[in-house]
Amino acid sequence: MALAGFHRDALHGREARLASIGAEIGRVRECAGAPHSVAEAALALVRRHIYDLEGLSAGAIAAASLWLAAYREHGMLIRLANAAGAAVEGVKNAARRMRA
C-alpha cells in the first residue's frame, strides 16, 4: 500500500517537472526565435531523458534540448543560453546527459 502511494507521488512529481520544463521550452524558444517544430522535438527529447536530467535547472534543460533539436547550430546555443538565463557550459552539460 505504501509503495503504491510512493509510486503515485513520484509519478506526479515527474509530471510536474515535465510541465515546468515544457513551459520553459516554450518561453526560451520564443525568446530565441527558434521554430515551433524544434520545441516539439525538444520536449520529446526531454521526455525520453527526464531521469538523466535530475539536479539541472529547467532553463538549462530547455536550452539544451532546443539546441539538440536544432541540430546543434552554434549561434543558436548562445541565443538559447541567454534566453534561458543559463551559462553556455550548463547547457552543454545538460546536452551531454541527454546524448548519453
PDB file of N, CA and C in Angstrom:
ATOM      1  N   MET A   1       0.818  -1.185   0.000  1.00  0.00           N
ATOM      2  CA  MET A   1       0.000   0.000   0.000  1.00  0.00           C
ATOM      3  C   MET A   1       0.867   1.256   0.000  1.00  0.00           C
ATOM      4  N   ALA A   2       1.882   1.280   0.865  1.00  0.00           N
ATOM      5  CA  ALA A   2       2.765   2.444   0.942  1.00  0.00           C
ATOM      6  C   ALA A   2       3.539   2.618  -0.357  1.00  0.00           C
ATOM      7  N   LEU A   3       3.926   1.506  -0.978  1.00  0.00           N
ATOM      8  CA  LEU A   3       4.662   1.567  -2.239  1.00  0.00           C
ATOM      9  C   LEU A   3       3.808   2.182  -3.343  1.00  0.00           C
ATOM     10  N   ALA A   4       2.529   1.842  -3.390  1.00  0.00           N
ATOM     11  CA  ALA A   4       1.631   2.416  -4.391  1.00  0.00           C
ATOM     12  C   ALA A   4       1.511   3.919  -4.194  1.00  0.00           C
ATOM     13  N   GLY A   5       1.436   4.377  -2.950  1.00  0.00           N
ATOM     14  CA  GLY A   5       1.378   5.814  -2.676  1.00  0.00           C
ATOM     15  C   GLY A   5       2.653   6.509  -3.089  1.00  0.00           C
ATOM     16  N   PHE A   6       3.797   5.864  -2.814  1.00  0.00           N
ATOM     17  CA  PHE A   6       5.081   6.441  -3.225  1.00  0.00           C
ATOM     18  C   PHE A   6       5.163   6.552  -4.739  1.00  0.00           C
ATOM     19  N   HIS A   7       4.760   5.494  -5.448  1.00  0.00           N
ATOM     20  CA  HIS A   7       4.809   5.499  -6.908  1.00  0.00           C
ATOM     21  C   HIS A   7       3.906   6.596  -7.476  1.00  0.00           C
ATOM     22  N   ARG A   8       2.724   6.746  -6.902  1.00  0.00           N
ATOM     23  CA  ARG A   8       1.788   7.771  -7.362  1.00  0.00           C
ATOM     24  C   ARG A   8       2.380   9.170  -7.146  1.00  0.00           C
ATOM     25  N   ASP A   9       3.010   9.396  -5.989  1.00  0.00           N
ATOM     26  CA  ASP A   9       3.615  10.699  -5.705  1.00  0.00           C
ATOM     27  C   ASP A   9       4.807  10.955  -6.621  1.00  0.00           C
ATOM     28  N   ALA A  10       5.607   9.931  -6.877  1.00  0.00           N
ATOM     29  CA  ALA A  10       6.766  10.082  -7.746  1.00  0.00           C
ATOM     30  C   ALA A  10       6.321  10.394  -9.170  1.00  0.00           C
ATOM     31  N   LEU A  11       5.283   9.731  -9.636  1.00  0.00           N
ATOM     32  CA  LEU A  11       4.775   9.992 -10.978  1.00  0.00           C
ATOM     33  C   LEU A  11       4.250  11.408 -11.076  1.00  0.00           C
ATOM     34  N   HIS A  12       3.540  11.849 -10.034  1.00  0.00           N
ATOM     35  CA  HIS A  12       3.017  13.210 -10.036  1.00  0.00           C
ATOM     36  C   HIS A  12       4.173  14.216 -10.076  1.00  0.00           C
ATOM     37  N   GLY A  13       5.248  13.948  -9.333  1.00  0.00           N
ATOM     38  CA  GLY A  13       6.414  14.825  -9.347  1.00  0.00           C
ATOM     39  C   GLY A  13       7.058  14.881 -10.714  1.00  0.00           C
ATOM     40  N   ARG A  14       7.130  13.744 -11.390  1.00  0.00           N
ATOM     41  CA  ARG A  14       7.700  13.687 -12.736  1.00  0.00           C
ATOM     42  C   ARG A  14       6.851  14.493 -13.706  1.00  0.00           C
ATOM     43  N   GLU A  15       5.544  14.355 -13.604  1.00  0.00           N
ATOM     44  CA  GLU A  15       4.651  15.102 -14.492  1.00  0.00           C
ATOM     45  C   GLU A  15       4.754  16.593 -14.242  1.00  0.00           C
ATOM     46  N   ALA A  16       4.877  16.989 -12.988  1.00  0.00           N
ATOM     47  CA  ALA A  16       5.031  18.415 -12.657  1.00  0.00           C
ATOM     48  C   ALA A  16       6.342  18.945 -13.208  1.00  0.00           C
ATOM     49  N   ARG A  17       7.400  18.160 -13.101  1.00  0.00           N
ATOM     50  CA  ARG A  17       8.713  18.575 -13.629  1.00  0.00           C
ATOM     51  C   ARG A  17       8.645  18.713 -15.146  1.00  0.00           C
ATOM     52  N   LEU A  18       8.000  17.762 -15.827  1.00  0.00           N
ATOM     53  CA  LEU A  18       7.846  17.852 -17.280  1.00  0.00           C
ATOM     54  C   LEU A  18       7.049  19.084 -17.688  1.00  0.00           C
ATOM     55  N   ALA A  19       6.012  19.402 -16.934  1.00  0.00           N
ATOM     56  CA  ALA A  19       5.205  20.584 -17.237  1.00  0.00           C
ATOM     57  C   ALA A  19       6.030  21.854 -17.068  1.00  0.00           C
ATOM     58  N   SER A  20       6.835  21.900 -16.023  1.00  0.00           N
ATOM     59  CA  SER A  20       7.693  23.059 -15.776  1.00  0.00           C
ATOM     60  C   SER A  20       8.720  23.231 -16.893  1.00  0.00           C
ATOM     61  N   ILE A  21       9.341  22.135 -17.284  1.00  0.00           N
ATOM     62  CA  ILE A  21      10.339  22.187 -18.359  1.00  0.00           C
ATOM     63  C   ILE A  21       9.664  22.532 -19.682  1.00  0.00           C
ATOM     64  N   GLY A  22       8.479  21.988 -19.924  1.00  0.00           N
ATOM     65  CA  GLY A  22       7.744  22.299 -21.156  1.00  0.00           C
ATOM     66  C   GLY A  22       7.423  23.775 -21.272  1.00  0.00           C
ATOM     67  N   ALA A  23       7.012  24.384 -20.172  1.00  0.00           N
ATOM     68  CA  ALA A  23       6.732  25.823 -20.175  1.00  0.00           C
ATOM     69  C   ALA A  23       8.004  26.615 -20.451  1.00  0.00           C
ATOM     70  N   GLU A  24       9.105  26.173 -19.867  1.00  0.00           N
ATOM     71  CA  GLU A  24      10.384  26.851 -20.076  1.00  0.00           C
ATOM     72  C   GLU A  24      10.854  26.690 -21.522  1.00  0.00           C
ATOM     73  N   ILE A  25      10.623  25.520 -22.114  1.00  0.00           N
ATOM     74  CA  ILE A  25      10.975  25.312 -23.520  1.00  0.00           C
ATOM     75  C   ILE A  25      10.217  26.303 -24.398  1.00  0.00           C
ATOM     76  N   GLY A  26       8.924  26.462 -24.141  1.00  0.00           N
ATOM     77  CA  GLY A  26       8.125  27.407 -24.920  1.00  0.00           C
ATOM     78  C   GLY A  26       8.617  28.838 -24.777  1.00  0.00           C
ATOM     79  N   ARG A  27       8.952  29.238 -23.548  1.00  0.00           N
ATOM     80  CA  ARG A  27       9.425  30.595 -23.307  1.00  0.00           C
ATOM     81  C   ARG A  27      10.778  30.842 -23.971  1.00  0.00           C
ATOM     82  N   VAL A  28      11.702  29.910 -23.796  1.00  0.00           N
ATOM     83  CA  VAL A  28      13.047  30.065 -24.362  1.00  0.00           C
ATOM     84  C   VAL A  28      12.988  30.029 -25.887  1.00  0.00           C
ATOM     85  N   ARG A  29      12.160  29.143 -26.452  1.00  0.00           N
ATOM     86  CA  ARG A  29      12.020  29.066 -27.905  1.00  0.00           C
ATOM     87  C   ARG A  29      11.567  30.398 -28.475  1.00  0.00           C
ATOM     88  N   GLU A  30      10.593  30.990 -27.824  1.00  0.00           N
ATOM     89  CA  GLU A  30      10.063  32.263 -28.300  1.00  0.00           C
ATOM     90  C   GLU A  30      11.102  33.376 -28.193  1.00  0.00           C
ATOM     91  N   CYS A  31      11.815  33.428 -27.077  1.00  0.00           N
ATOM     92  CA  CYS A  31      12.843  34.461 -26.888  1.00  0.00           C
ATOM     93  C   CYS A  31      13.992  34.327 -27.880  1.00  0.00           C
ATOM     94  N   ALA A  32      14.359  33.086 -28.197  1.00  0.00           N
ATOM     95  CA  ALA A  32      15.497  32.846 -29.093  1.00  0.00           C
ATOM     96  C   ALA A  32      15.096  32.834 -30.560  1.00  0.00           C
ATOM     97  N   GLY A  33      13.809  32.785 -30.841  1.00  0.00           N
ATOM     98  CA  GLY A  33      13.347  32.783 -32.225  1.00  0.00           C
ATOM     99  C   GLY A  33      13.498  31.445 -32.925  1.00  0.00           C
ATOM    100  N   ALA A  34      13.460  30.356 -32.164  1.00  0.00           N
ATOM    101  CA  ALA A  34      13.555  29.023 -32.765  1.00  0.00           C
ATOM    102  C   ALA A  34      12.181  28.619 -33.310  1.00  0.00           C
ATOM    103  N   PRO A  35      12.139  27.781 -34.335  1.00  0.00           N
ATOM    104  CA  PRO A  35      10.862  27.330 -34.896  1.00  0.00           C
ATOM    105  C   PRO A  35      10.065  26.470 -33.912  1.00  0.00           C
ATOM    106  N   HIS A  36       8.756  26.438 -34.088  1.00  0.00           N
ATOM    107  CA  HIS A  36       7.867  25.655 -33.223  1.00  0.00           C
ATOM    108  C   HIS A  36       8.168  24.160 -33.323  1.00  0.00           C
ATOM    109  N   SER A  37       8.518  23.692 -34.498  1.00  0.00           N
ATOM    110  CA  SER A  37       8.817  22.256 -34.662  1.00  0.00           C
ATOM    111  C   SER A  37      10.022  21.839 -33.815  1.00  0.00           C
ATOM    112  N   VAL A  38      10.950  22.753 -33.598  1.00  0.00           N
ATOM    113  CA  VAL A  38      12.111  22.458 -32.754  1.00  0.00           C
ATOM    114  C   VAL A  38      11.659  22.263 -31.304  1.00  0.00           C
ATOM    115  N   ALA A  39      10.692  23.061 -30.867  1.00  0.00           N
ATOM    116  CA  ALA A  39      10.181  22.925 -29.497  1.00  0.00           C
ATOM    117  C   ALA A  39       9.512  21.572 -29.294  1.00  0.00           C
ATOM    118  N   GLU A  40       8.771  21.101 -30.283  1.00  0.00           N
ATOM    119  CA  GLU A  40       8.123  19.799 -30.176  1.00  0.00           C
ATOM    120  C   GLU A  40       9.156  18.683 -30.074  1.00  0.00           C
ATOM    121  N   ALA A  41      10.203  18.759 -30.890  1.00  0.00           N
ATOM    122  CA  ALA A  41      11.266  17.762 -30.842  1.00  0.00           C
ATOM    123  C   ALA A  41      12.024  17.839 -29.518  1.00  0.00           C
ATOM    124  N   ALA A  42      12.208  19.050 -29.006  1.00  0.00           N
ATOM    125  CA  ALA A  42      12.910  19.227 -27.735  1.00  0.00           C
ATOM    126  C   ALA A  42      12.133  18.611 -26.587  1.00  0.00           C
ATOM    127  N   LEU A  43      10.837  18.796 -26.559  1.00  0.00           N
ATOM    128  CA  LEU A  43      10.020  18.224 -25.488  1.00  0.00           C
ATOM    129  C   LEU A  43      10.025  16.700 -25.549  1.00  0.00           C
ATOM    130  N   ALA A  44      10.003  16.145 -26.745  1.00  0.00           N
ATOM    131  CA  ALA A  44      10.086  14.685 -26.889  1.00  0.00           C
ATOM    132  C   ALA A  44      11.427  14.172 -26.362  1.00  0.00           C
ATOM    133  N   LEU A  45      12.479  14.920 -26.611  1.00  0.00           N
ATOM    134  CA  LEU A  45      13.813  14.550 -26.125  1.00  0.00           C
ATOM    135  C   LEU A  45      13.855  14.575 -24.598  1.00  0.00           C
ATOM    136  N   VAL A  46      13.268  15.591 -24.010  1.00  0.00           N
ATOM    137  CA  VAL A  46      13.234  15.694 -22.548  1.00  0.00           C
ATOM    138  C   VAL A  46      12.430  14.546 -21.949  1.00  0.00           C
ATOM    139  N   ARG A  47      11.318  14.193 -22.560  1.00  0.00           N
ATOM    140  CA  ARG A  47      10.507  13.077 -22.050  1.00  0.00           C
ATOM    141  C   ARG A  47      11.301  11.778 -22.020  1.00  0.00           C
ATOM    142  N   ARG A  48      12.131  11.564 -23.047  1.00  0.00           N
ATOM    143  CA  ARG A  48      12.935  10.334 -23.104  1.00  0.00           C
ATOM    144  C   ARG A  48      14.025  10.315 -22.038  1.00  0.00           C
ATOM    145  N   HIS A  49      14.535  11.482 -21.661  1.00  0.00           N
ATOM    146  CA  HIS A  49      15.701  11.547 -20.773  1.00  0.00           C
ATOM    147  C   HIS A  49      15.415  12.216 -19.437  1.00  0.00           C
ATOM    148  N   ILE A  50      14.166  12.265 -19.007  1.00  0.00           N
ATOM    149  CA  ILE A  50      13.802  13.003 -17.799  1.00  0.00           C
ATOM    150  C   ILE A  50      14.572  12.518 -16.574  1.00  0.00           C
ATOM    151  N   TYR A  51      14.838  11.216 -16.469  1.00  0.00           N
ATOM    152  CA  TYR A  51      15.536  10.700 -15.291  1.00  0.00           C
ATOM    153  C   TYR A  51      17.031  11.022 -15.339  1.00  0.00           C
ATOM    154  N   ASP A  52      17.597  11.249 -16.508  1.00  0.00           N
ATOM    155  CA  ASP A  52      19.012  11.599 -16.633  1.00  0.00           C
ATOM    156  C   ASP A  52      19.272  13.060 -16.284  1.00  0.00           C
ATOM    157  N   LEU A  53      18.231  13.849 -16.170  1.00  0.00           N
ATOM    158  CA  LEU A  53      18.375  15.295 -16.020  1.00  0.00           C
ATOM    159  C   LEU A  53      18.126  15.784 -14.597  1.00  0.00           C
ATOM    160  N   GLU A  54      18.134  14.882 -13.630  1.00  0.00           N
ATOM    161  CA  GLU A  54      17.921  15.264 -12.231  1.00  0.00           C
ATOM    162  C   GLU A  54      18.988  16.260 -11.798  1.00  0.00           C
ATOM    163  N   GLY A  55      18.578  17.259 -11.056  1.00  0.00           N
ATOM    164  CA  GLY A  55      19.517  18.226 -10.495  1.00  0.00           C
ATOM    165  C   GLY A  55      19.857  19.392 -11.393  1.00  0.00           C
ATOM    166  N   LEU A  56      19.383  19.402 -12.618  1.00  0.00           N
ATOM    167  CA  LEU A  56      19.668  20.512 -13.525  1.00  0.00           C
ATOM    168  C   LEU A  56      18.485  21.477 -13.541  1.00  0.00           C
ATOM    169  N   SER A  57      18.771  22.730 -13.800  1.00  0.00           N
ATOM    170  CA  SER A  57      17.700  23.728 -13.834  1.00  0.00           C
ATOM    171  C   SER A  57      16.832  23.543 -15.079  1.00  0.00           C
ATOM    172  N   ALA A  58      15.585  23.964 -14.965  1.00  0.00           N
ATOM    173  CA  ALA A  58      14.660  23.865 -16.097  1.00  0.00           C
ATOM    174  C   ALA A  58      15.154  24.707 -17.270  1.00  0.00           C
ATOM    175  N   GLY A  59      15.779  25.845 -16.985  1.00  0.00           N
ATOM    176  CA  GLY A  59      16.301  26.697 -18.049  1.00  0.00           C
ATOM    177  C   GLY A  59      17.416  26.029 -18.834  1.00  0.00           C
ATOM    178  N   ALA A  60      18.347  25.405 -18.127  1.00  0.00           N
ATOM    179  CA  ALA A  60      19.452  24.715 -18.802  1.00  0.00           C
ATOM    180  C   ALA A  60      18.936  23.530 -19.612  1.00  0.00           C
ATOM    181  N   ILE A  61      17.974  22.804 -19.061  1.00  0.00           N
ATOM    182  CA  ILE A  61      17.398  21.664 -19.778  1.00  0.00           C
ATOM    183  C   ILE A  61      16.662  22.140 -21.024  1.00  0.00           C
ATOM    184  N   ALA A  62      15.886  23.214 -20.890  1.00  0.00           N
ATOM    185  CA  ALA A  62      15.145  23.748 -22.036  1.00  0.00           C
ATOM    186  C   ALA A  62      16.095  24.184 -23.139  1.00  0.00           C
ATOM    187  N   ALA A  63      17.123  24.936 -22.774  1.00  0.00           N
ATOM    188  CA  ALA A  63      18.078  25.415 -23.780  1.00  0.00           C
ATOM    189  C   ALA A  63      18.819  24.252 -24.432  1.00  0.00           C
ATOM    190  N   ALA A  64      19.225  23.271 -23.635  1.00  0.00           N
ATOM    191  CA  ALA A  64      19.959  22.126 -24.175  1.00  0.00           C
ATOM    192  C   ALA A  64      19.094  21.299 -25.117  1.00  0.00           C
ATOM    193  N   SER A  65      17.865  21.039 -24.725  1.00  0.00           N
ATOM    194  CA  SER A  65      17.000  20.227 -25.581  1.00  0.00           C
ATOM    195  C   SER A  65      16.663  20.965 -26.877  1.00  0.00           C
ATOM    196  N   LEU A  66      16.458  22.257 -26.799  1.00  0.00           N
ATOM    197  CA  LEU A  66      16.213  23.041 -28.016  1.00  0.00           C
ATOM    198  C   LEU A  66      17.444  23.058 -28.904  1.00  0.00           C
ATOM    199  N   TRP A  67      18.611  23.169 -28.290  1.00  0.00           N
ATOM    200  CA  TRP A  67      19.855  23.181 -29.057  1.00  0.00           C
ATOM    201  C   TRP A  67      20.063  21.851 -29.776  1.00  0.00           C
ATOM    202  N   LEU A  68      19.851  20.750 -29.062  1.00  0.00           N
ATOM    203  CA  LEU A  68      19.995  19.434 -29.698  1.00  0.00           C
ATOM    204  C   LEU A  68      18.955  19.234 -30.792  1.00  0.00           C
ATOM    205  N   ALA A  69      17.740  19.711 -30.556  1.00  0.00           N
ATOM    206  CA  ALA A  69      16.680  19.572 -31.557  1.00  0.00           C
ATOM    207  C   ALA A  69      16.930  20.460 -32.772  1.00  0.00           C
ATOM    208  N   ALA A  70      17.702  21.532 -32.590  1.00  0.00           N
ATOM    209  CA  ALA A  70      18.032  22.444 -33.701  1.00  0.00           C
ATOM    210  C   ALA A  70      19.323  22.011 -34.392  1.00  0.00           C
ATOM    211  N   TYR A  71      19.717  20.756 -34.185  1.00  0.00           N
ATOM    212  CA  TYR A  71      20.896  20.172 -34.829  1.00  0.00           C
ATOM    213  C   TYR A  71      22.181  20.882 -34.445  1.00  0.00           C
ATOM    214  N   ARG A  72      22.262  21.304 -33.183  1.00  0.00           N
ATOM    215  CA  ARG A  72      23.470  21.850 -32.575  1.00  0.00           C
ATOM    216  C   ARG A  72      24.047  23.044 -33.329  1.00  0.00           C
ATOM    217  N   GLU A  73      23.205  23.886 -33.834  1.00  0.00           N
ATOM    218  CA  GLU A  73      23.653  25.103 -34.505  1.00  0.00           C
ATOM    219  C   GLU A  73      24.340  25.991 -33.474  1.00  0.00           C
ATOM    220  N   HIS A  74      25.610  26.383 -33.710  1.00  0.00           N
ATOM    221  CA  HIS A  74      26.409  27.078 -32.700  1.00  0.00           C
ATOM    222  C   HIS A  74      25.821  28.431 -32.301  1.00  0.00           C
ATOM    223  N   GLY A  75      25.405  29.236 -33.241  1.00  0.00           N
ATOM    224  CA  GLY A  75      24.813  30.527 -32.903  1.00  0.00           C
ATOM    225  C   GLY A  75      23.555  30.366 -32.086  1.00  0.00           C
ATOM    226  N   MET A  76      22.835  29.286 -32.309  1.00  0.00           N
ATOM    227  CA  MET A  76      21.610  29.009 -31.570  1.00  0.00           C
ATOM    228  C   MET A  76      21.934  28.690 -30.109  1.00  0.00           C
ATOM    229  N   LEU A  77      23.047  28.032 -29.841  1.00  0.00           N
ATOM    230  CA  LEU A  77      23.431  27.701 -28.463  1.00  0.00           C
ATOM    231  C   LEU A  77      23.534  28.967 -27.618  1.00  0.00           C
ATOM    232  N   ILE A  78      24.216  29.951 -28.112  1.00  0.00           N
ATOM    233  CA  ILE A  78      24.408  31.188 -27.358  1.00  0.00           C
ATOM    234  C   ILE A  78      23.081  31.911 -27.159  1.00  0.00           C
ATOM    235  N   ARG A  79      22.267  31.983 -28.196  1.00  0.00           N
ATOM    236  CA  ARG A  79      20.955  32.633 -28.070  1.00  0.00           C
ATOM    237  C   ARG A  79      20.070  31.905 -27.073  1.00  0.00           C
ATOM    238  N   LEU A  80      20.070  30.580 -27.118  1.00  0.00           N
ATOM    239  CA  LEU A  80      19.245  29.798 -26.203  1.00  0.00           C
ATOM    240  C   LEU A  80      19.722  29.939 -24.759  1.00  0.00           C
ATOM    241  N   ALA A  81      21.035  29.897 -24.550  1.00  0.00           N
ATOM    242  CA  ALA A  81      21.570  30.054 -23.194  1.00  0.00           C
ATOM    243  C   ALA A  81      21.201  31.423 -22.631  1.00  0.00           C
ATOM    244  N   ASN A  82      21.340  32.455 -23.444  1.00  0.00           N
ATOM    245  CA  ASN A  82      20.974  33.803 -22.987  1.00  0.00           C
ATOM    246  C   ASN A  82      19.484  33.899 -22.690  1.00  0.00           C
ATOM    247  N   ALA A  83      18.659  33.325 -23.541  1.00  0.00           N
ATOM    248  CA  ALA A  83      17.205  33.372 -23.335  1.00  0.00           C
ATOM    249  C   ALA A  83      16.794  32.606 -22.089  1.00  0.00           C
ATOM    250  N   ALA A  84      17.510  31.541 -21.773  1.00  0.00           N
ATOM    251  CA  ALA A  84      17.183  30.729 -20.601  1.00  0.00           C
ATOM    252  C   ALA A  84      17.791  31.287 -19.327  1.00  0.00           C
ATOM    253  N   GLY A  85      18.715  32.218 -19.463  1.00  0.00           N
ATOM    254  CA  GLY A  85      19.408  32.725 -18.284  1.00  0.00           C
ATOM    255  C   GLY A  85      20.362  31.700 -17.709  1.00  0.00           C
ATOM    256  N   ALA A  86      20.879  30.853 -18.576  1.00  0.00           N
ATOM    257  CA  ALA A  86      21.786  29.783 -18.149  1.00  0.00           C
ATOM    258  C   ALA A  86      23.152  30.005 -18.792  1.00  0.00           C
ATOM    259  N   ALA A  87      24.172  29.459 -18.157  1.00  0.00           N
ATOM    260  CA  ALA A  87      25.520  29.527 -18.719  1.00  0.00           C
ATOM    261  C   ALA A  87      25.630  28.545 -19.878  1.00  0.00           C
ATOM    262  N   VAL A  88      26.452  28.883 -20.852  1.00  0.00           N
ATOM    263  CA  VAL A  88      26.661  28.007 -22.006  1.00  0.00           C
ATOM    264  C   VAL A  88      27.165  26.643 -21.545  1.00  0.00           C
ATOM    265  N   GLU A  89      28.057  26.621 -20.555  1.00  0.00           N
ATOM    266  CA  GLU A  89      28.575  25.345 -20.051  1.00  0.00           C
ATOM    267  C   GLU A  89      27.478  24.514 -19.391  1.00  0.00           C
ATOM    268  N   GLY A  90      26.540  25.158 -18.713  1.00  0.00           N
ATOM    269  CA  GLY A  90      25.412  24.437 -18.118  1.00  0.00           C
ATOM    270  C   GLY A  90      24.533  23.807 -19.183  1.00  0.00           C
ATOM    271  N   VAL A  91      24.344  24.517 -20.282  1.00  0.00           N
ATOM    272  CA  VAL A  91      23.551  23.987 -21.392  1.00  0.00           C
ATOM    273  C   VAL A  91      24.278  22.804 -22.028  1.00  0.00           C
ATOM    274  N   LYS A  92      25.590  22.936 -22.202  1.00  0.00           N
ATOM    275  CA  LYS A  92      26.355  21.826 -22.783  1.00  0.00           C
ATOM    276  C   LYS A  92      26.333  20.607 -21.872  1.00  0.00           C
ATOM    277  N   ASN A  93      26.389  20.822 -20.555  1.00  0.00           N
ATOM    278  CA  ASN A  93      26.334  19.712 -19.603  1.00  0.00           C
ATOM    279  C   ASN A  93      24.991  18.985 -19.702  1.00  0.00           C
ATOM    280  N   ALA A  94      23.919  19.737 -19.784  1.00  0.00           N
ATOM    281  CA  ALA A  94      22.603  19.105 -19.927  1.00  0.00           C
ATOM    282  C   ALA A  94      22.505  18.355 -21.252  1.00  0.00           C
ATOM    283  N   ALA A  95      23.083  18.915 -22.304  1.00  0.00           N
ATOM    284  CA  ALA A  95      23.062  18.239 -23.616  1.00  0.00           C
ATOM    285  C   ALA A  95      23.843  16.930 -23.561  1.00  0.00           C
ATOM    286  N   ARG A  96      24.972  16.918 -22.855  1.00  0.00           N
ATOM    287  CA  ARG A  96      25.746  15.692 -22.718  1.00  0.00           C
ATOM    288  C   ARG A  96      24.936  14.598 -22.023  1.00  0.00           C
ATOM    289  N   ARG A  97      24.167  14.980 -21.013  1.00  0.00           N
ATOM    290  CA  ARG A  97      23.360  13.993 -20.287  1.00  0.00           C
ATOM    291  C   ARG A  97      22.266  13.428 -21.179  1.00  0.00           C
ATOM    292  N   MET A  98      21.732  14.247 -22.072  1.00  0.00           N
ATOM    293  CA  MET A  98      20.668  13.760 -22.960  1.00  0.00           C
ATOM    294  C   MET A  98      21.212  12.880 -24.071  1.00  0.00           C
ATOM    295  N   ARG A  99      22.449  13.085 -24.457  1.00  0.00           N
ATOM    296  CA  ARG A  99      23.027  12.272 -25.529  1.00  0.00           C
ATOM    297  C   ARG A  99      23.562  10.952 -25.015  1.00  0.00           C
ATOM    298  N   ALA A 100      23.778  10.834 -23.732  1.00  0.00           N
ATOM    299  CA  ALA A 100      24.400   9.609 -23.158  1.00  0.00           C
ATOM    300  C   ALA A 100      23.486   8.415 -23.258  1.00  0.00           C
TER     301      ALA A 100
END
